């Protein structure tokens, strides 16, 4: 449709605005007639949609230790440390806000700290690492002492 083409060319100007441009002779090549029924432009509708504001408060917080752990790996850092560490892993418990920092030679070492975490570093009994999910979250479930993370 010719009217929708000119609507898009003029940055989604309304059909009424396009008719005014034509009547005042402001644009060469602009067709003389536009459809009287304006088609709904999906891009215009998306631009007019209401967006909710970003919430000021956090929607969900952990209710016990190690229920939610935030993890981030930073690096490679140049120059490397004296012990050739070029990365660091930062773990923060959402409930207690306790942070652990581990220095790594390679990024691949990070999973070791999840898999073989020690009780003396993470002082919460009866938790076991189940799965490092695709989006980087860690799931913990209650379990018996035989299944706990290595001591």
C-alpha atoms as a PDB file:
ATOM      1  CA  UNK A   1       0.000   0.000   0.000  1.00  0.00           C
ATOM      2  CA  UNK A   2       1.356   3.384  -1.057  1.00  0.00           C
ATOM      3  CA  UNK A   3       0.025   5.256   1.980  1.00  0.00           C
ATOM      4  CA  UNK A   4       1.772   2.912   4.438  1.00  0.00           C
ATOM      5  CA  UNK A   5       5.012   3.262   2.451  1.00  0.00           C
ATOM      6  CA  UNK A   6       4.967   7.069   2.824  1.00  0.00           C
ATOM      7  CA  UNK A   7       3.888   6.690   6.459  1.00  0.00           C
ATOM      8  CA  UNK A   8       7.073   4.687   7.133  1.00  0.00           C
ATOM      9  CA  UNK A   9       9.279   6.979   4.992  1.00  0.00           C
ATOM     10  CA  UNK A  10       8.268  10.003   7.065  1.00  0.00           C
ATOM     11  CA  UNK A  11       9.056   8.386  10.428  1.00  0.00           C
ATOM     12  CA  UNK A  12       5.505   7.125  10.998  1.00  0.00           C
ATOM     13  CA  UNK A  13       3.829  10.490  10.414  1.00  0.00           C
ATOM     14  CA  UNK A  14       0.021  10.244  10.624  1.00  0.00           C
ATOM     15  CA  UNK A  15      -2.054  10.075   7.444  1.00  0.00           C
ATOM     16  CA  UNK A  16      -3.515  13.470   8.333  1.00  0.00           C
ATOM     17  CA  UNK A  17       0.019  14.904   8.472  1.00  0.00           C
ATOM     18  CA  UNK A  18       0.830  13.366   5.084  1.00  0.00           C
ATOM     19  CA  UNK A  19      -2.329  14.927   3.589  1.00  0.00           C
ATOM     20  CA  UNK A  20      -1.237  18.350   4.939  1.00  0.00           C
ATOM     21  CA  UNK A  21       2.223  17.919   3.355  1.00  0.00           C
ATOM     22  CA  UNK A  22       0.574  17.139   0.019  1.00  0.00           C
ATOM     23  CA  UNK A  23      -1.978  19.976   0.182  1.00  0.00           C
ATOM     24  CA  UNK A  24       0.759  22.545   0.860  1.00  0.00           C
ATOM     25  CA  UNK A  25       2.977  21.103  -1.888  1.00  0.00           C
ATOM     26  CA  UNK A  26       5.863  20.520   0.515  1.00  0.00           C
ATOM     27  CA  UNK A  27       6.943  17.129  -0.888  1.00  0.00           C
ATOM     28  CA  UNK A  28       7.540  16.182  -4.536  1.00  0.00           C
ATOM     29  CA  UNK A  29       6.187  12.811  -5.593  1.00  0.00           C
ATOM     30  CA  UNK A  30       3.816  12.453  -2.655  1.00  0.00           C
ATOM     31  CA  UNK A  31       0.607  10.822  -3.972  1.00  0.00           C
ATOM     32  CA  UNK A  32      -2.504  12.978  -4.031  1.00  0.00           C
ATOM     33  CA  UNK A  33      -4.826  10.483  -2.421  1.00  0.00           C
ATOM     34  CA  UNK A  34      -4.350   8.450   0.717  1.00  0.00           C
ATOM     35  CA  UNK A  35      -6.664   5.741   1.900  1.00  0.00           C
ATOM     36  CA  UNK A  36      -9.388   7.130   4.115  1.00  0.00           C
ATOM     37  CA  UNK A  37      -9.180   4.112   6.406  1.00  0.00           C
ATOM     38  CA  UNK A  38      -5.815   4.190   8.102  1.00  0.00           C
ATOM     39  CA  UNK A  39      -4.242   0.787   8.563  1.00  0.00           C
ATOM     40  CA  UNK A  40      -2.979  -0.051  12.022  1.00  0.00           C
ATOM     41  CA  UNK A  41       0.800   0.252  12.065  1.00  0.00           C
ATOM     42  CA  UNK A  42       2.276  -2.335  14.463  1.00  0.00           C
ATOM     43  CA  UNK A  43       5.404  -0.251  15.086  1.00  0.00           C
ATOM     44  CA  UNK A  44       3.301   2.790  16.036  1.00  0.00           C
ATOM     45  CA  UNK A  45       1.247   0.646  18.437  1.00  0.00           C
ATOM     46  CA  UNK A  46       4.403  -0.706  20.096  1.00  0.00           C
ATOM     47  CA  UNK A  47       5.736   2.815  20.504  1.00  0.00           C
ATOM     48  CA  UNK A  48       2.554   3.935  22.235  1.00  0.00           C
ATOM     49  CA  UNK A  49       2.397   1.029  24.697  1.00  0.00           C
ATOM     50  CA  UNK A  50       2.696   1.777  28.384  1.00  0.00           C
ATOM     51  CA  UNK A  51       5.747   0.399  30.191  1.00  0.00           C
ATOM     52  CA  UNK A  52       5.666  -0.272  33.905  1.00  0.00           C
ATOM     53  CA  UNK A  53       8.335   1.556  35.901  1.00  0.00           C
ATOM     54  CA  UNK A  54      11.283  -0.410  37.236  1.00  0.00           C
ATOM     55  CA  UNK A  55      10.428  -1.405  40.817  1.00  0.00           C
ATOM     56  CA  UNK A  56      12.335   0.470  43.526  1.00  0.00           C
ATOM     57  CA  UNK A  57      12.362  -2.511  45.887  1.00  0.00           C
ATOM     58  CA  UNK A  58      13.614  -6.010  45.215  1.00  0.00           C
ATOM     59  CA  UNK A  59      10.692  -8.330  44.496  1.00  0.00           C
ATOM     60  CA  UNK A  60      12.210 -11.441  46.063  1.00  0.00           C
ATOM     61  CA  UNK A  61      14.934 -12.034  48.641  1.00  0.00           C
ATOM     62  CA  UNK A  62      16.380 -15.262  49.981  1.00  0.00           C
ATOM     63  CA  UNK A  63      14.915 -16.453  53.279  1.00  0.00           C
ATOM     64  CA  UNK A  64      17.822 -18.645  54.384  1.00  0.00           C
ATOM     65  CA  UNK A  65      21.565 -18.916  53.880  1.00  0.00           C
ATOM     66  CA  UNK A  66      22.687 -20.199  50.475  1.00  0.00           C
ATOM     67  CA  UNK A  67      19.160 -20.170  49.062  1.00  0.00           C
ATOM     68  CA  UNK A  68      20.388 -17.774  46.370  1.00  0.00           C
ATOM     69  CA  UNK A  69      24.035 -17.126  45.506  1.00  0.00           C
ATOM     70  CA  UNK A  70      25.069 -14.417  43.056  1.00  0.00           C
ATOM     71  CA  UNK A  71      28.232 -15.321  41.132  1.00  0.00           C
ATOM     72  CA  UNK A  72      30.444 -13.310  38.823  1.00  0.00           C
ATOM     73  CA  UNK A  73      33.749 -14.046  37.122  1.00  0.00           C
ATOM     74  CA  UNK A  74      36.006 -11.153  36.193  1.00  0.00           C
ATOM     75  CA  UNK A  75      38.980 -11.309  33.862  1.00  0.00           C
ATOM     76  CA  UNK A  76      41.345 -11.832  32.198  1.00  0.00           C
ATOM     77  CA  UNK A  77      43.208  -9.208  34.161  1.00  0.00           C
ATOM     78  CA  UNK A  78      46.489  -7.930  32.770  1.00  0.00           C
ATOM     79  CA  UNK A  79      49.062  -8.151  34.187  1.00  0.00           C
ATOM     80  CA  UNK A  80      48.497 -11.404  36.061  1.00  0.00           C
ATOM     81  CA  UNK A  81      49.272 -11.705  39.768  1.00  0.00           C
ATOM     82  CA  UNK A  82      52.580 -13.045  41.126  1.00  0.00           C
ATOM     83  CA  UNK A  83      50.964 -16.484  41.332  1.00  0.00           C
ATOM     84  CA  UNK A  84      49.760 -16.202  37.679  1.00  0.00           C
ATOM     85  CA  UNK A  85      46.103 -15.675  38.610  1.00  0.00           C
ATOM     86  CA  UNK A  86      44.272 -13.752  35.864  1.00  0.00           C
ATOM     87  CA  UNK A  87      40.625 -14.168  36.946  1.00  0.00           C
ATOM     88  CA  UNK A  88      38.636 -13.905  40.127  1.00  0.00           C
ATOM     89  CA  UNK A  89      35.323 -15.422  41.136  1.00  0.00           C
ATOM     90  CA  UNK A  90      33.041 -13.459  43.441  1.00  0.00           C
ATOM     91  CA  UNK A  91      30.220 -15.293  45.250  1.00  0.00           C
ATOM     92  CA  UNK A  92      27.680 -13.359  47.335  1.00  0.00           C
ATOM     93  CA  UNK A  93      25.019 -14.982  49.514  1.00  0.00           C
ATOM     94  CA  UNK A  94      21.752 -13.089  48.961  1.00  0.00           C
ATOM     95  CA  UNK A  95      20.517 -13.685  52.526  1.00  0.00           C
ATOM     96  CA  UNK A  96      23.594 -12.864  54.622  1.00  0.00           C
ATOM     97  CA  UNK A  97      25.414 -10.712  52.017  1.00  0.00           C
ATOM     98  CA  UNK A  98      28.567 -12.649  52.860  1.00  0.00           C
ATOM     99  CA  UNK A  99      31.055 -12.581  49.993  1.00  0.00           C
ATOM    100  CA  UNK A 100      33.737 -15.045  48.964  1.00  0.00           C
ATOM    101  CA  UNK A 101      36.495 -14.166  46.489  1.00  0.00           C
ATOM    102  CA  UNK A 102      38.525 -16.878  44.765  1.00  0.00           C
ATOM    103  CA  UNK A 103      41.472 -16.160  42.473  1.00  0.00           C
ATOM    104  CA  UNK A 104      41.714 -18.350  39.365  1.00  0.00           C
ATOM    105  CA  UNK A 105      44.338 -19.134  36.752  1.00  0.00           C
ATOM    106  CA  UNK A 106      41.679 -20.199  34.201  1.00  0.00           C
ATOM    107  CA  UNK A 107      37.930 -19.605  33.999  1.00  0.00           C
ATOM    108  CA  UNK A 108      37.352 -23.351  33.947  1.00  0.00           C
ATOM    109  CA  UNK A 109      38.528 -23.559  37.579  1.00  0.00           C
ATOM    110  CA  UNK A 110      35.379 -21.736  38.750  1.00  0.00           C
ATOM    111  CA  UNK A 111      33.162 -24.820  38.764  1.00  0.00           C
ATOM    112  CA  UNK A 112      35.604 -26.500  41.149  1.00  0.00           C
ATOM    113  CA  UNK A 113      34.676 -23.977  43.849  1.00  0.00           C
ATOM    114  CA  UNK A 114      30.995 -24.822  43.465  1.00  0.00           C
ATOM    115  CA  UNK A 115      31.563 -28.567  43.310  1.00  0.00           C
ATOM    116  CA  UNK A 116      34.153 -28.895  46.083  1.00  0.00           C
ATOM    117  CA  UNK A 117      33.271 -26.006  48.359  1.00  0.00           C
ATOM    118  CA  UNK A 118      34.383 -26.536  51.932  1.00  0.00           C
ATOM    119  CA  UNK A 119      32.232 -26.175  55.051  1.00  0.00           C
ATOM    120  CA  UNK A 120      34.844 -23.930  56.667  1.00  0.00           C
ATOM    121  CA  UNK A 121      34.360 -21.416  53.833  1.00  0.00           C
ATOM    122  CA  UNK A 122      30.589 -21.744  53.558  1.00  0.00           C
ATOM    123  CA  UNK A 123      29.394 -22.390  57.096  1.00  0.00           C
ATOM    124  CA  UNK A 124      25.923 -23.799  56.436  1.00  0.00           C
ATOM    125  CA  UNK A 125      25.178 -27.454  57.214  1.00  0.00           C
ATOM    126  CA  UNK A 126      22.821 -29.737  55.276  1.00  0.00           C
ATOM    127  CA  UNK A 127      23.090 -28.100  51.892  1.00  0.00           C
ATOM    128  CA  UNK A 128      24.178 -29.862  48.752  1.00  0.00           C
ATOM    129  CA  UNK A 129      24.996 -28.515  45.332  1.00  0.00           C
ATOM    130  CA  UNK A 130      22.595 -29.991  42.798  1.00  0.00           C
ATOM    131  CA  UNK A 131      22.893 -28.183  39.517  1.00  0.00           C
ATOM    132  CA  UNK A 132      24.589 -25.234  37.897  1.00  0.00           C
ATOM    133  CA  UNK A 133      21.737 -24.222  35.607  1.00  0.00           C
ATOM    134  CA  UNK A 134      22.073 -22.655  32.163  1.00  0.00           C
ATOM    135  CA  UNK A 135      21.502 -19.106  33.343  1.00  0.00           C
ATOM    136  CA  UNK A 136      24.179 -19.370  36.029  1.00  0.00           C
ATOM    137  CA  UNK A 137      21.954 -19.967  39.060  1.00  0.00           C
ATOM    138  CA  UNK A 138      22.832 -22.566  41.656  1.00  0.00           C
ATOM    139  CA  UNK A 139      20.168 -24.799  43.185  1.00  0.00           C
ATOM    140  CA  UNK A 140      20.599 -26.089  46.722  1.00  0.00           C
ATOM    141  CA  UNK A 141      18.427 -28.709  48.408  1.00  0.00           C
ATOM    142  CA  UNK A 142      18.239 -30.169  51.888  1.00  0.00           C
ATOM    143  CA  UNK A 143      20.056 -33.487  52.245  1.00  0.00           C
ATOM    144  CA  UNK A 144      21.660 -35.818  54.753  1.00  0.00           C
ATOM    145  CA  UNK A 145      25.226 -35.491  56.023  1.00  0.00           C
ATOM    146  CA  UNK A 146      26.595 -38.224  53.720  1.00  0.00           C
ATOM    147  CA  UNK A 147      25.613 -36.231  50.647  1.00  0.00           C
ATOM    148  CA  UNK A 148      26.999 -32.889  51.799  1.00  0.00           C
ATOM    149  CA  UNK A 149      29.652 -30.890  50.033  1.00  0.00           C
ATOM    150  CA  UNK A 150      33.148 -32.143  50.892  1.00  0.00           C
ATOM    151  CA  UNK A 151      34.476 -31.138  54.334  1.00  0.00           C
END
